[in-house]
Amino acid sequence: MEEKNSIGRKIARVRELKGIKQEGLAIDLGLNQQAISKMERSESIDIEMLRKIARALQVPVQIIENFDEQMLLDYFDDGGHSSFKCNFKLIDKVWELYERLILTEREKNDLLRQER
């Protein structure tokens, strides 16, 4: 049974609150969605992987380690000016995802053309 305060659950909640799907996080980490799902059910995680996840989610490692939903909401309401530093810029993330979507669509079109 999944522990409410496990590191995996904390990762999942931060990811969910940031509006990022498992697939998106998987792409950022060079993994697949199943690996993210398994990680989010884990009781512990390697510190280096935790650092990579924090970078991908654009939050300090401490936000994940000491996760408290209200603390995270306060952090973003405060614009990241609390004791933690964050480089989260929503428009940059949206733009990055949009560019990734365009690239994926172009690749699909190229594959369809090659099949003809």
C-alpha atoms as a PDB file:
ATOM      1  CA  MET A   1       0.000   0.000   0.000  1.00  0.00           C
ATOM      2  CA  GLU A   2       1.214   3.477  -0.926  1.00  0.00           C
ATOM      3  CA  GLU A   3       2.418   5.625   1.970  1.00  0.00           C
ATOM      4  CA  LYS A   4       0.950   9.141   1.893  1.00  0.00           C
ATOM      5  CA  ASN A   5       4.302  10.724   2.803  1.00  0.00           C
ATOM      6  CA  SER A   6       6.548   8.574   0.602  1.00  0.00           C
ATOM      7  CA  ILE A   7       8.968  10.414  -1.643  1.00  0.00           C
ATOM      8  CA  GLY A   8       7.228   8.938  -4.669  1.00  0.00           C
ATOM      9  CA  ARG A   9       3.880  10.338  -3.572  1.00  0.00           C
ATOM     10  CA  LYS A  10       5.479  13.723  -2.927  1.00  0.00           C
ATOM     11  CA  ILE A  11       6.926  13.736  -6.448  1.00  0.00           C
ATOM     12  CA  ALA A  12       3.503  12.859  -7.856  1.00  0.00           C
ATOM     13  CA  ARG A  13       1.758  15.664  -5.939  1.00  0.00           C
ATOM     14  CA  VAL A  14       4.286  18.307  -6.995  1.00  0.00           C
ATOM     15  CA  ARG A  15       4.006  17.114 -10.596  1.00  0.00           C
ATOM     16  CA  GLU A  16       0.198  17.166 -10.439  1.00  0.00           C
ATOM     17  CA  LEU A  17       0.071  20.618  -8.841  1.00  0.00           C
ATOM     18  CA  LYS A  18       2.317  21.933 -11.591  1.00  0.00           C
ATOM     19  CA  GLY A  19      -0.017  20.453 -14.213  1.00  0.00           C
ATOM     20  CA  ILE A  20       2.589  18.108 -15.667  1.00  0.00           C
ATOM     21  CA  LYS A  21       1.597  14.630 -16.839  1.00  0.00           C
ATOM     22  CA  GLN A  22       3.727  11.570 -16.202  1.00  0.00           C
ATOM     23  CA  GLU A  23       4.478  11.438 -19.925  1.00  0.00           C
ATOM     24  CA  GLY A  24       5.817  15.006 -19.878  1.00  0.00           C
ATOM     25  CA  LEU A  25       8.073  14.312 -16.914  1.00  0.00           C
ATOM     26  CA  ALA A  26       9.225  11.094 -18.553  1.00  0.00           C
ATOM     27  CA  ILE A  27      10.242  12.988 -21.702  1.00  0.00           C
ATOM     28  CA  ASP A  28      12.171  15.554 -19.651  1.00  0.00           C
ATOM     29  CA  LEU A  29      14.034  12.762 -17.840  1.00  0.00           C
ATOM     30  CA  GLY A  30      14.578  10.544 -20.877  1.00  0.00           C
ATOM     31  CA  LEU A  31      12.432   7.792 -19.375  1.00  0.00           C
ATOM     32  CA  ASN A  32       9.076   6.246 -20.208  1.00  0.00           C
ATOM     33  CA  GLN A  33       5.750   6.798 -18.468  1.00  0.00           C
ATOM     34  CA  GLN A  34       5.896   3.382 -16.775  1.00  0.00           C
ATOM     35  CA  ALA A  35       9.209   4.308 -15.113  1.00  0.00           C
ATOM     36  CA  ILE A  36       7.651   7.498 -13.733  1.00  0.00           C
ATOM     37  CA  SER A  37       4.619   5.572 -12.485  1.00  0.00           C
ATOM     38  CA  LYS A  38       6.878   3.069 -10.706  1.00  0.00           C
ATOM     39  CA  MET A  39       8.991   5.886  -9.246  1.00  0.00           C
ATOM     40  CA  GLU A  40       5.887   7.614  -7.900  1.00  0.00           C
ATOM     41  CA  ARG A  41       4.981   4.440  -6.018  1.00  0.00           C
ATOM     42  CA  SER A  42       8.456   4.205  -4.456  1.00  0.00           C
ATOM     43  CA  GLU A  43       9.186   4.712  -0.784  1.00  0.00           C
ATOM     44  CA  SER A  44      12.676   6.039  -1.534  1.00  0.00           C
ATOM     45  CA  ILE A  45      14.647   7.365  -4.473  1.00  0.00           C
ATOM     46  CA  ASP A  46      18.293   7.926  -5.372  1.00  0.00           C
ATOM     47  CA  ILE A  47      19.357  11.506  -4.530  1.00  0.00           C
ATOM     48  CA  GLU A  48      20.772  12.107  -8.017  1.00  0.00           C
ATOM     49  CA  MET A  49      17.476  11.085  -9.610  1.00  0.00           C
ATOM     50  CA  LEU A  50      15.649  13.315  -7.124  1.00  0.00           C
ATOM     51  CA  ARG A  51      17.819  16.238  -8.244  1.00  0.00           C
ATOM     52  CA  LYS A  52      16.997  15.510 -11.895  1.00  0.00           C
ATOM     53  CA  ILE A  53      13.294  15.334 -11.097  1.00  0.00           C
ATOM     54  CA  ALA A  54      13.450  18.613  -9.158  1.00  0.00           C
ATOM     55  CA  ARG A  55      15.180  20.285 -12.126  1.00  0.00           C
ATOM     56  CA  ALA A  56      12.580  18.908 -14.530  1.00  0.00           C
ATOM     57  CA  LEU A  57       9.758  20.124 -12.264  1.00  0.00           C
ATOM     58  CA  GLN A  58      11.611  23.413 -11.754  1.00  0.00           C
ATOM     59  CA  VAL A  59      11.429  23.294  -7.968  1.00  0.00           C
ATOM     60  CA  PRO A  60      14.111  23.017  -5.308  1.00  0.00           C
ATOM     61  CA  VAL A  61      14.780  19.488  -4.042  1.00  0.00           C
ATOM     62  CA  GLN A  62      13.637  20.693  -0.607  1.00  0.00           C
ATOM     63  CA  ILE A  63      10.136  21.352  -1.959  1.00  0.00           C
ATOM     64  CA  ILE A  64       9.847  17.668  -2.842  1.00  0.00           C
ATOM     65  CA  GLU A  65      11.607  16.307   0.246  1.00  0.00           C
ATOM     66  CA  ASN A  66       9.583  18.435   2.677  1.00  0.00           C
ATOM     67  CA  PHE A  67       6.427  18.469   0.604  1.00  0.00           C
ATOM     68  CA  ASP A  68       3.445  20.145   2.107  1.00  0.00           C
ATOM     69  CA  GLU A  69       0.688  21.095  -0.309  1.00  0.00           C
ATOM     70  CA  GLN A  70       0.016  24.432   1.357  1.00  0.00           C
ATOM     71  CA  MET A  71       3.747  25.247   1.423  1.00  0.00           C
ATOM     72  CA  LEU A  72       3.983  24.639  -2.333  1.00  0.00           C
ATOM     73  CA  LEU A  73       0.892  26.731  -3.050  1.00  0.00           C
ATOM     74  CA  ASP A  74       2.233  29.533  -0.845  1.00  0.00           C
ATOM     75  CA  TYR A  75       5.577  29.273  -2.632  1.00  0.00           C
ATOM     76  CA  PHE A  76       3.990  29.887  -6.023  1.00  0.00           C
ATOM     77  CA  ASP A  77       1.544  32.500  -4.690  1.00  0.00           C
ATOM     78  CA  ASP A  78       4.584  34.353  -3.359  1.00  0.00           C
ATOM     79  CA  GLY A  79       6.147  34.257  -6.821  1.00  0.00           C
ATOM     80  CA  GLY A  80       8.989  32.074  -5.573  1.00  0.00           C
ATOM     81  CA  HIS A  81      10.314  34.764  -3.241  1.00  0.00           C
ATOM     82  CA  SER A  82      10.185  32.593  -0.148  1.00  0.00           C
ATOM     83  CA  SER A  83      13.296  30.974   1.310  1.00  0.00           C
ATOM     84  CA  PHE A  84      13.428  28.639  -1.716  1.00  0.00           C
ATOM     85  CA  LYS A  85      14.466  29.897  -5.137  1.00  0.00           C
ATOM     86  CA  CYS A  86      12.503  28.807  -8.196  1.00  0.00           C
ATOM     87  CA  ASN A  87      12.950  29.444 -11.903  1.00  0.00           C
ATOM     88  CA  PHE A  88       9.363  28.497 -12.726  1.00  0.00           C
ATOM     89  CA  LYS A  89       7.974  30.581 -15.573  1.00  0.00           C
ATOM     90  CA  LEU A  90       4.698  29.256 -16.881  1.00  0.00           C
ATOM     91  CA  ILE A  91       4.908  30.908 -20.291  1.00  0.00           C
ATOM     92  CA  ASP A  92       8.357  29.399 -20.891  1.00  0.00           C
ATOM     93  CA  LYS A  93       7.066  25.923 -20.056  1.00  0.00           C
ATOM     94  CA  VAL A  94       4.005  26.365 -22.288  1.00  0.00           C
ATOM     95  CA  TRP A  95       6.209  27.553 -25.141  1.00  0.00           C
ATOM     96  CA  GLU A  96       8.586  24.618 -24.686  1.00  0.00           C
ATOM     97  CA  LEU A  97       5.692  22.142 -24.723  1.00  0.00           C
ATOM     98  CA  TYR A  98       4.207  23.843 -27.796  1.00  0.00           C
ATOM     99  CA  GLU A  99       7.519  23.560 -29.651  1.00  0.00           C
ATOM    100  CA  ARG A 100       7.773  19.903 -28.654  1.00  0.00           C
ATOM    101  CA  LEU A 101       4.238  19.311 -29.947  1.00  0.00           C
ATOM    102  CA  ILE A 102       5.054  20.949 -33.294  1.00  0.00           C
ATOM    103  CA  LEU A 103       8.202  18.833 -33.631  1.00  0.00           C
ATOM    104  CA  THR A 104       6.231  15.660 -32.877  1.00  0.00           C
ATOM    105  CA  GLU A 105       3.600  16.554 -35.472  1.00  0.00           C
ATOM    106  CA  ARG A 106       6.293  17.225 -38.078  1.00  0.00           C
ATOM    107  CA  GLU A 107       7.880  13.864 -37.347  1.00  0.00           C
ATOM    108  CA  LYS A 108       4.483  12.164 -37.746  1.00  0.00           C
ATOM    109  CA  ASN A 109       3.937  13.913 -41.070  1.00  0.00           C
ATOM    110  CA  ASP A 110       7.383  12.849 -42.287  1.00  0.00           C
ATOM    111  CA  LEU A 111       6.657   9.231 -41.346  1.00  0.00           C
ATOM    112  CA  LEU A 112       3.304   9.322 -43.139  1.00  0.00           C
ATOM    113  CA  ARG A 113       4.953  10.733 -46.261  1.00  0.00           C
ATOM    114  CA  GLN A 114       7.590   7.993 -46.196  1.00  0.00           C
ATOM    115  CA  GLU A 115       4.915   5.280 -45.960  1.00  0.00           C
ATOM    116  CA  ARG A 116       3.285   6.445 -49.219  1.00  0.00           C
END
